[in-house]
Amino acid sequence: MTVKPLGERVLIEVKTSEEKTSGGIVIPQAAQEKTQEGKVIAIGSSDTIKVKIGDKVIYDKYAGTQIKIGDRDHLLIKFEEILAVID
């Protein structure tokens, strides 16, 4: 399945959180905090979008709509909800 964002929307592959702490304690899925980092997979057709495919970004904690493509979690968000690009 291919998803192409429209307008000023961006498709982000959500970075999975660690399932173990550095001390080896396993954290259950329900107790894991929602991550705010991801990788840009696709961008909409607007000229105002300032990120490109492949950029690692930090986005607003409660931003967008979660979707599942294959077995990976993705987030479809407005460009304005991206807070920073990680180098």
PDB file of N, CA and C in Angstrom:
ATOM      1  N   MET A   1       0.843  -1.177   0.000  1.00  0.00           N
ATOM      2  CA  MET A   1       0.000   0.000   0.000  1.00  0.00           C
ATOM      3  C   MET A   1       0.888   1.241   0.000  1.00  0.00           C
ATOM      4  N   THR A   2       0.549   2.206  -0.851  1.00  0.00           N
ATOM      5  CA  THR A   2       1.285   3.461  -0.932  1.00  0.00           C
ATOM      6  C   THR A   2       0.388   4.597  -0.459  1.00  0.00           C
ATOM      7  N   VAL A   3       0.932   5.453   0.403  1.00  0.00           N
ATOM      8  CA  VAL A   3       0.189   6.594   0.916  1.00  0.00           C
ATOM      9  C   VAL A   3       0.890   7.861   0.444  1.00  0.00           C
ATOM     10  N   LYS A   4       0.159   8.745  -0.241  1.00  0.00           N
ATOM     11  CA  LYS A   4       0.698  10.018  -0.719  1.00  0.00           C
ATOM     12  C   LYS A   4      -0.043  11.141  -0.001  1.00  0.00           C
ATOM     13  N   PRO A   5       0.641  11.892   0.881  1.00  0.00           N
ATOM     14  CA  PRO A   5      -0.007  12.995   1.587  1.00  0.00           C
ATOM     15  C   PRO A   5      -0.456  14.088   0.613  1.00  0.00           C
ATOM     16  N   LEU A   6      -1.509  14.793   0.975  1.00  0.00           N
ATOM     17  CA  LEU A   6      -2.027  15.885   0.162  1.00  0.00           C
ATOM     18  C   LEU A   6      -1.733  17.226   0.841  1.00  0.00           C
ATOM     19  N   GLY A   7      -1.582  18.278   0.041  1.00  0.00           N
ATOM     20  CA  GLY A   7      -1.401  19.632   0.565  1.00  0.00           C
ATOM     21  C   GLY A   7      -0.163  19.776   1.419  1.00  0.00           C
ATOM     22  N   GLU A   8      -0.342  20.296   2.635  1.00  0.00           N
ATOM     23  CA  GLU A   8       0.767  20.550   3.555  1.00  0.00           C
ATOM     24  C   GLU A   8       0.951  19.423   4.562  1.00  0.00           C
ATOM     25  N   ARG A   9       0.617  18.226   4.207  1.00  0.00           N
ATOM     26  CA  ARG A   9       0.749  17.084   5.117  1.00  0.00           C
ATOM     27  C   ARG A   9       2.040  16.316   4.838  1.00  0.00           C
ATOM     28  N   VAL A  10       2.532  15.648   5.882  1.00  0.00           N
ATOM     29  CA  VAL A  10       3.775  14.885   5.807  1.00  0.00           C
ATOM     30  C   VAL A  10       3.527  13.509   6.420  1.00  0.00           C
ATOM     31  N   LEU A  11       4.038  12.455   5.781  1.00  0.00           N
ATOM     32  CA  LEU A  11       3.947  11.099   6.313  1.00  0.00           C
ATOM     33  C   LEU A  11       5.260  10.772   7.000  1.00  0.00           C
ATOM     34  N   ILE A  12       5.179  10.402   8.285  1.00  0.00           N
ATOM     35  CA  ILE A  12       6.357  10.121   9.096  1.00  0.00           C
ATOM     36  C   ILE A  12       6.296   8.695   9.602  1.00  0.00           C
ATOM     37  N   GLU A  13       7.423   7.976   9.482  1.00  0.00           N
ATOM     38  CA  GLU A  13       7.546   6.658  10.098  1.00  0.00           C
ATOM     39  C   GLU A  13       7.996   6.877  11.528  1.00  0.00           C
ATOM     40  N   VAL A  14       7.190   6.440  12.478  1.00  0.00           N
ATOM     41  CA  VAL A  14       7.437   6.673  13.894  1.00  0.00           C
ATOM     42  C   VAL A  14       8.591   5.801  14.372  1.00  0.00           C
ATOM     43  N   LYS A  15       9.518   6.428  15.101  1.00  0.00           N
ATOM     44  CA  LYS A  15      10.639   5.692  15.691  1.00  0.00           C
ATOM     45  C   LYS A  15      10.097   4.858  16.849  1.00  0.00           C
ATOM     46  N   THR A  16      10.448   3.588  16.865  1.00  0.00           N
ATOM     47  CA  THR A  16       9.976   2.719  17.939  1.00  0.00           C
ATOM     48  C   THR A  16      10.764   2.998  19.206  1.00  0.00           C
ATOM     49  N   SER A  17      10.079   2.945  20.329  1.00  0.00           N
ATOM     50  CA  SER A  17      10.746   3.194  21.609  1.00  0.00           C
ATOM     51  C   SER A  17      11.447   1.929  22.089  1.00  0.00           C
ATOM     52  N   GLU A  18      12.405   2.128  22.954  1.00  0.00           N
ATOM     53  CA  GLU A  18      13.166   1.009  23.505  1.00  0.00           C
ATOM     54  C   GLU A  18      12.277   0.146  24.384  1.00  0.00           C
ATOM     55  N   GLU A  19      12.431  -1.163  24.260  1.00  0.00           N
ATOM     56  CA  GLU A  19      11.634  -2.075  25.069  1.00  0.00           C
ATOM     57  C   GLU A  19      12.350  -2.486  26.347  1.00  0.00           C
ATOM     58  N   LYS A  20      13.655  -2.177  26.436  1.00  0.00           N
ATOM     59  CA  LYS A  20      14.433  -2.475  27.632  1.00  0.00           C
ATOM     60  C   LYS A  20      15.170  -1.225  28.081  1.00  0.00           C
ATOM     61  N   THR A  21      15.345  -1.090  29.378  1.00  0.00           N
ATOM     62  CA  THR A  21      16.154  -0.006  29.900  1.00  0.00           C
ATOM     63  C   THR A  21      17.622  -0.407  29.808  1.00  0.00           C
ATOM     64  N   SER A  22      18.516   0.524  30.093  1.00  0.00           N
ATOM     65  CA  SER A  22      19.948   0.215  30.044  1.00  0.00           C
ATOM     66  C   SER A  22      20.324  -0.834  31.096  1.00  0.00           C
ATOM     67  N   GLY A  23      19.522  -0.953  32.139  1.00  0.00           N
ATOM     68  CA  GLY A  23      19.769  -1.952  33.173  1.00  0.00           C
ATOM     69  C   GLY A  23      19.177  -3.316  32.849  1.00  0.00           C
ATOM     70  N   GLY A  24      18.470  -3.436  31.717  1.00  0.00           N
ATOM     71  CA  GLY A  24      17.924  -4.709  31.290  1.00  0.00           C
ATOM     72  C   GLY A  24      16.482  -4.952  31.689  1.00  0.00           C
ATOM     73  N   ILE A  25      15.815  -3.966  32.273  1.00  0.00           N
ATOM     74  CA  ILE A  25      14.421  -4.128  32.673  1.00  0.00           C
ATOM     75  C   ILE A  25      13.533  -3.991  31.437  1.00  0.00           C
ATOM     76  N   VAL A  26      12.645  -4.953  31.234  1.00  0.00           N
ATOM     77  CA  VAL A  26      11.735  -4.937  30.090  1.00  0.00           C
ATOM     78  C   VAL A  26      10.537  -4.049  30.412  1.00  0.00           C
ATOM     79  N   ILE A  27      10.233  -3.110  29.510  1.00  0.00           N
ATOM     80  CA  ILE A  27       9.110  -2.197  29.692  1.00  0.00           C
ATOM     81  C   ILE A  27       7.938  -2.701  28.849  1.00  0.00           C
ATOM     82  N   PRO A  28       6.785  -2.972  29.456  1.00  0.00           N
ATOM     83  CA  PRO A  28       5.629  -3.442  28.679  1.00  0.00           C
ATOM     84  C   PRO A  28       5.143  -2.365  27.714  1.00  0.00           C
ATOM     85  N   GLN A  29       4.533  -2.774  26.609  1.00  0.00           N
ATOM     86  CA  GLN A  29       4.061  -1.857  25.574  1.00  0.00           C
ATOM     87  C   GLN A  29       3.123  -0.796  26.136  1.00  0.00           C
ATOM     88  N   ALA A  30       2.248  -1.179  27.066  1.00  0.00           N
ATOM     89  CA  ALA A  30       1.275  -0.242  27.619  1.00  0.00           C
ATOM     90  C   ALA A  30       1.930   0.856  28.449  1.00  0.00           C
ATOM     91  N   ALA A  31       3.107   0.596  29.000  1.00  0.00           N
ATOM     92  CA  ALA A  31       3.778   1.571  29.856  1.00  0.00           C
ATOM     93  C   ALA A  31       4.779   2.440  29.102  1.00  0.00           C
ATOM     94  N   GLN A  32       5.024   2.132  27.836  1.00  0.00           N
ATOM     95  CA  GLN A  32       6.000   2.903  27.072  1.00  0.00           C
ATOM     96  C   GLN A  32       5.434   4.265  26.700  1.00  0.00           C
ATOM     97  N   GLU A  33       6.283   5.272  26.798  1.00  0.00           N
ATOM     98  CA  GLU A  33       5.874   6.620  26.433  1.00  0.00           C
ATOM     99  C   GLU A  33       5.877   6.775  24.917  1.00  0.00           C
ATOM    100  N   LYS A  34       4.929   7.527  24.403  1.00  0.00           N
ATOM    101  CA  LYS A  34       4.836   7.770  22.972  1.00  0.00           C
ATOM    102  C   LYS A  34       6.048   8.576  22.519  1.00  0.00           C
ATOM    103  N   THR A  35       6.729   8.109  21.463  1.00  0.00           N
ATOM    104  CA  THR A  35       7.895   8.830  20.967  1.00  0.00           C
ATOM    105  C   THR A  35       7.470  10.052  20.172  1.00  0.00           C
ATOM    106  N   GLN A  36       8.385  10.987  20.004  1.00  0.00           N
ATOM    107  CA  GLN A  36       8.115  12.196  19.249  1.00  0.00           C
ATOM    108  C   GLN A  36       9.126  12.349  18.122  1.00  0.00           C
ATOM    109  N   GLU A  37       9.772  11.263  17.741  1.00  0.00           N
ATOM    110  CA  GLU A  37      10.763  11.298  16.677  1.00  0.00           C
ATOM    111  C   GLU A  37      10.342  10.364  15.560  1.00  0.00           C
ATOM    112  N   GLY A  38      10.760  10.707  14.351  1.00  0.00           N
ATOM    113  CA  GLY A  38      10.456   9.856  13.219  1.00  0.00           C
ATOM    114  C   GLY A  38      11.224  10.280  11.988  1.00  0.00           C
ATOM    115  N   LYS A  39      10.992   9.539  10.904  1.00  0.00           N
ATOM    116  CA  LYS A  39      11.664   9.777   9.637  1.00  0.00           C
ATOM    117  C   LYS A  39      10.610  10.117   8.582  1.00  0.00           C
ATOM    118  N   VAL A  40      10.860  11.179   7.808  1.00  0.00           N
ATOM    119  CA  VAL A  40       9.928  11.607   6.773  1.00  0.00           C
ATOM    120  C   VAL A  40       9.948  10.586   5.640  1.00  0.00           C
ATOM    121  N   ILE A  41       8.782  10.031   5.314  1.00  0.00           N
ATOM    122  CA  ILE A  41       8.643   9.020   4.265  1.00  0.00           C
ATOM    123  C   ILE A  41       8.085   9.632   2.982  1.00  0.00           C
ATOM    124  N   ALA A  42       7.137  10.560   3.110  1.00  0.00           N
ATOM    125  CA  ALA A  42       6.526  11.200   1.945  1.00  0.00           C
ATOM    126  C   ALA A  42       6.042  12.588   2.342  1.00  0.00           C
ATOM    127  N   ILE A  43       5.999  13.503   1.361  1.00  0.00           N
ATOM    128  CA  ILE A  43       5.524  14.859   1.614  1.00  0.00           C
ATOM    129  C   ILE A  43       4.429  15.217   0.613  1.00  0.00           C
ATOM    130  N   GLY A  44       3.589  16.161   1.011  1.00  0.00           N
ATOM    131  CA  GLY A  44       2.516  16.618   0.141  1.00  0.00           C
ATOM    132  C   GLY A  44       3.036  17.514  -0.969  1.00  0.00           C
ATOM    133  N   SER A  45       2.112  18.089  -1.718  1.00  0.00           N
ATOM    134  CA  SER A  45       2.468  18.851  -2.909  1.00  0.00           C
ATOM    135  C   SER A  45       2.669  20.342  -2.665  1.00  0.00           C
ATOM    136  N   SER A  46       2.533  20.813  -1.446  1.00  0.00           N
ATOM    137  CA  SER A  46       2.661  22.234  -1.151  1.00  0.00           C
ATOM    138  C   SER A  46       4.118  22.697  -1.225  1.00  0.00           C
ATOM    139  N   ASP A  47       4.328  23.924  -1.697  1.00  0.00           N
ATOM    140  CA  ASP A  47       5.675  24.497  -1.772  1.00  0.00           C
ATOM    141  C   ASP A  47       6.172  25.008  -0.427  1.00  0.00           C
ATOM    142  N   THR A  48       5.306  25.112   0.580  1.00  0.00           N
ATOM    143  CA  THR A  48       5.698  25.649   1.875  1.00  0.00           C
ATOM    144  C   THR A  48       6.363  24.610   2.773  1.00  0.00           C
ATOM    145  N   ILE A  49       6.369  23.352   2.391  1.00  0.00           N
ATOM    146  CA  ILE A  49       6.973  22.293   3.204  1.00  0.00           C
ATOM    147  C   ILE A  49       8.489  22.420   3.136  1.00  0.00           C
ATOM    148  N   LYS A  50       9.134  22.518   4.300  1.00  0.00           N
ATOM    149  CA  LYS A  50      10.578  22.764   4.377  1.00  0.00           C
ATOM    150  C   LYS A  50      11.388  21.533   4.748  1.00  0.00           C
ATOM    151  N   VAL A  51      10.781  20.353   4.777  1.00  0.00           N
ATOM    152  CA  VAL A  51      11.518  19.113   5.034  1.00  0.00           C
ATOM    153  C   VAL A  51      11.537  18.289   3.763  1.00  0.00           C
ATOM    154  N   LYS A  52      12.451  17.327   3.715  1.00  0.00           N
ATOM    155  CA  LYS A  52      12.524  16.462   2.543  1.00  0.00           C
ATOM    156  C   LYS A  52      12.479  15.005   2.988  1.00  0.00           C
ATOM    157  N   ILE A  53      12.230  14.136   2.056  1.00  0.00           N
ATOM    158  CA  ILE A  53      12.155  12.708   2.345  1.00  0.00           C
ATOM    159  C   ILE A  53      13.494  12.240   2.896  1.00  0.00           C
ATOM    160  N   GLY A  54      13.451  11.498   3.990  1.00  0.00           N
ATOM    161  CA  GLY A  54      14.658  10.983   4.634  1.00  0.00           C
ATOM    162  C   GLY A  54      15.078  11.775   5.856  1.00  0.00           C
ATOM    163  N   ASP A  55      14.552  12.998   6.049  1.00  0.00           N
ATOM    164  CA  ASP A  55      14.890  13.805   7.221  1.00  0.00           C
ATOM    165  C   ASP A  55      14.368  13.150   8.494  1.00  0.00           C
ATOM    166  N   LYS A  56      15.165  13.223   9.560  1.00  0.00           N
ATOM    167  CA  LYS A  56      14.711  12.793  10.878  1.00  0.00           C
ATOM    168  C   LYS A  56      14.168  14.027  11.575  1.00  0.00           C
ATOM    169  N   VAL A  57      12.962  13.913  12.133  1.00  0.00           N
ATOM    170  CA  VAL A  57      12.279  15.078  12.698  1.00  0.00           C
ATOM    171  C   VAL A  57      11.732  14.794  14.096  1.00  0.00           C
ATOM    172  N   ILE A  58      11.490  15.889  14.810  1.00  0.00           N
ATOM    173  CA  ILE A  58      10.779  15.854  16.087  1.00  0.00           C
ATOM    174  C   ILE A  58       9.452  16.562  15.844  1.00  0.00           C
ATOM    175  N   TYR A  59       8.354  15.961  16.289  1.00  0.00           N
ATOM    176  CA  TYR A  59       7.032  16.531  16.051  1.00  0.00           C
ATOM    177  C   TYR A  59       6.282  16.684  17.363  1.00  0.00           C
ATOM    178  N   ASP A  60       5.211  17.438  17.319  1.00  0.00           N
ATOM    179  CA  ASP A  60       4.372  17.698  18.479  1.00  0.00           C
ATOM    180  C   ASP A  60       3.831  16.381  19.037  1.00  0.00           C
ATOM    181  N   LYS A  61       3.771  16.262  20.347  1.00  0.00           N
ATOM    182  CA  LYS A  61       3.415  14.998  21.003  1.00  0.00           C
ATOM    183  C   LYS A  61       2.042  14.455  20.605  1.00  0.00           C
ATOM    184  N   TYR A  62       1.065  15.306  20.440  1.00  0.00           N
ATOM    185  CA  TYR A  62      -0.294  14.850  20.139  1.00  0.00           C
ATOM    186  C   TYR A  62      -0.694  15.172  18.700  1.00  0.00           C
ATOM    187  N   ALA A  63       0.278  15.219  17.811  1.00  0.00           N
ATOM    188  CA  ALA A  63       0.039  15.623  16.428  1.00  0.00           C
ATOM    189  C   ALA A  63      -0.472  14.476  15.573  1.00  0.00           C
ATOM    190  N   GLY A  64      -1.253  14.835  14.571  1.00  0.00           N
ATOM    191  CA  GLY A  64      -1.574  13.946  13.465  1.00  0.00           C
ATOM    192  C   GLY A  64      -2.484  12.768  13.729  1.00  0.00           C
ATOM    193  N   THR A  65      -2.530  11.926  12.705  1.00  0.00           N
ATOM    194  CA  THR A  65      -3.350  10.726  12.698  1.00  0.00           C
ATOM    195  C   THR A  65      -2.454   9.510  12.543  1.00  0.00           C
ATOM    196  N   GLN A  66      -2.582   8.557  13.458  1.00  0.00           N
ATOM    197  CA  GLN A  66      -1.765   7.348  13.383  1.00  0.00           C
ATOM    198  C   GLN A  66      -2.360   6.390  12.362  1.00  0.00           C
ATOM    199  N   ILE A  67      -1.480   5.820  11.519  1.00  0.00           N
ATOM    200  CA  ILE A  67      -1.898   4.779  10.584  1.00  0.00           C
ATOM    201  C   ILE A  67      -0.846   3.683  10.601  1.00  0.00           C
ATOM    202  N   LYS A  68      -1.249   2.493  10.211  1.00  0.00           N
ATOM    203  CA  LYS A  68      -0.331   1.361  10.168  1.00  0.00           C
ATOM    204  C   LYS A  68      -0.185   0.950   8.703  1.00  0.00           C
ATOM    205  N   ILE A  69       1.054   0.930   8.222  1.00  0.00           N
ATOM    206  CA  ILE A  69       1.348   0.499   6.857  1.00  0.00           C
ATOM    207  C   ILE A  69       2.239  -0.727   6.991  1.00  0.00           C
ATOM    208  N   GLY A  70       1.720  -1.867   6.560  1.00  0.00           N
ATOM    209  CA  GLY A  70       2.439  -3.120   6.797  1.00  0.00           C
ATOM    210  C   GLY A  70       2.446  -3.397   8.289  1.00  0.00           C
ATOM    211  N   ASP A  71       3.631  -3.584   8.847  1.00  0.00           N
ATOM    212  CA  ASP A  71       3.734  -3.820  10.289  1.00  0.00           C
ATOM    213  C   ASP A  71       4.352  -2.634  11.012  1.00  0.00           C
ATOM    214  N   ARG A  72       4.496  -1.492  10.334  1.00  0.00           N
ATOM    215  CA  ARG A  72       5.139  -0.301  10.895  1.00  0.00           C
ATOM    216  C   ARG A  72       4.102   0.781  11.197  1.00  0.00           C
ATOM    217  N   ASP A  73       4.322   1.530  12.298  1.00  0.00           N
ATOM    218  CA  ASP A  73       3.458   2.648  12.658  1.00  0.00           C
ATOM    219  C   ASP A  73       3.913   3.912  11.934  1.00  0.00           C
ATOM    220  N   HIS A  74       2.953   4.654  11.402  1.00  0.00           N
ATOM    221  CA  HIS A  74       3.226   5.907  10.712  1.00  0.00           C
ATOM    222  C   HIS A  74       2.307   6.982  11.261  1.00  0.00           C
ATOM    223  N   LEU A  75       2.658   8.216  10.979  1.00  0.00           N
ATOM    224  CA  LEU A  75       1.880   9.354  11.436  1.00  0.00           C
ATOM    225  C   LEU A  75       1.696  10.307  10.269  1.00  0.00           C
ATOM    226  N   LEU A  76       0.479  10.711  10.013  1.00  0.00           N
ATOM    227  CA  LEU A  76       0.166  11.671   8.962  1.00  0.00           C
ATOM    228  C   LEU A  76      -0.140  12.997   9.649  1.00  0.00           C
ATOM    229  N   ILE A  77       0.762  13.987   9.480  1.00  0.00           N
ATOM    230  CA  ILE A  77       0.638  15.249  10.217  1.00  0.00           C
ATOM    231  C   ILE A  77       0.712  16.447   9.282  1.00  0.00           C
ATOM    232  N   LYS A  78       0.269  17.590   9.790  1.00  0.00           N
ATOM    233  CA  LYS A  78       0.434  18.849   9.077  1.00  0.00           C
ATOM    234  C   LYS A  78       1.888  19.285   9.246  1.00  0.00           C
ATOM    235  N   PHE A  79       2.430  19.953   8.230  1.00  0.00           N
ATOM    236  CA  PHE A  79       3.815  20.409   8.273  1.00  0.00           C
ATOM    237  C   PHE A  79       4.080  21.295   9.496  1.00  0.00           C
ATOM    238  N   GLU A  80       3.116  22.116   9.888  1.00  0.00           N
ATOM    239  CA  GLU A  80       3.297  23.040  11.014  1.00  0.00           C
ATOM    240  C   GLU A  80       3.544  22.319  12.340  1.00  0.00           C
ATOM    241  N   GLU A  81       3.189  21.038  12.436  1.00  0.00           N
ATOM    242  CA  GLU A  81       3.352  20.282  13.676  1.00  0.00           C
ATOM    243  C   GLU A  81       4.754  19.699  13.831  1.00  0.00           C
ATOM    244  N   ILE A  82       5.601  19.876  12.811  1.00  0.00           N
ATOM    245  CA  ILE A  82       6.995  19.442  12.914  1.00  0.00           C
ATOM    246  C   ILE A  82       7.760  20.542  13.634  1.00  0.00           C
ATOM    247  N   LEU A  83       8.449  20.180  14.731  1.00  0.00           N
ATOM    248  CA  LEU A  83       9.124  21.161  15.561  1.00  0.00           C
ATOM    249  C   LEU A  83      10.578  21.377  15.170  1.00  0.00           C
ATOM    250  N   ALA A  84      11.265  20.318  14.716  1.00  0.00           N
ATOM    251  CA  ALA A  84      12.697  20.433  14.410  1.00  0.00           C
ATOM    252  C   ALA A  84      13.146  19.295  13.509  1.00  0.00           C
ATOM    253  N   VAL A  85      14.267  19.524  12.829  1.00  0.00           N
ATOM    254  CA  VAL A  85      14.929  18.495  12.028  1.00  0.00           C
ATOM    255  C   VAL A  85      16.187  18.085  12.782  1.00  0.00           C
ATOM    256  N   ILE A  86      16.418  16.785  12.911  1.00  0.00           N
ATOM    257  CA  ILE A  86      17.587  16.257  13.624  1.00  0.00           C
ATOM    258  C   ILE A  86      18.691  15.978  12.615  1.00  0.00           C
ATOM    259  N   ASP A  87      19.899  16.498  12.879  1.00  0.00           N
ATOM    260  CA  ASP A  87      21.056  16.216  12.011  1.00  0.00           C
ATOM    261  C   ASP A  87      21.792  14.989  12.461  1.00  0.00           C
TER     262      ASP A  87
END
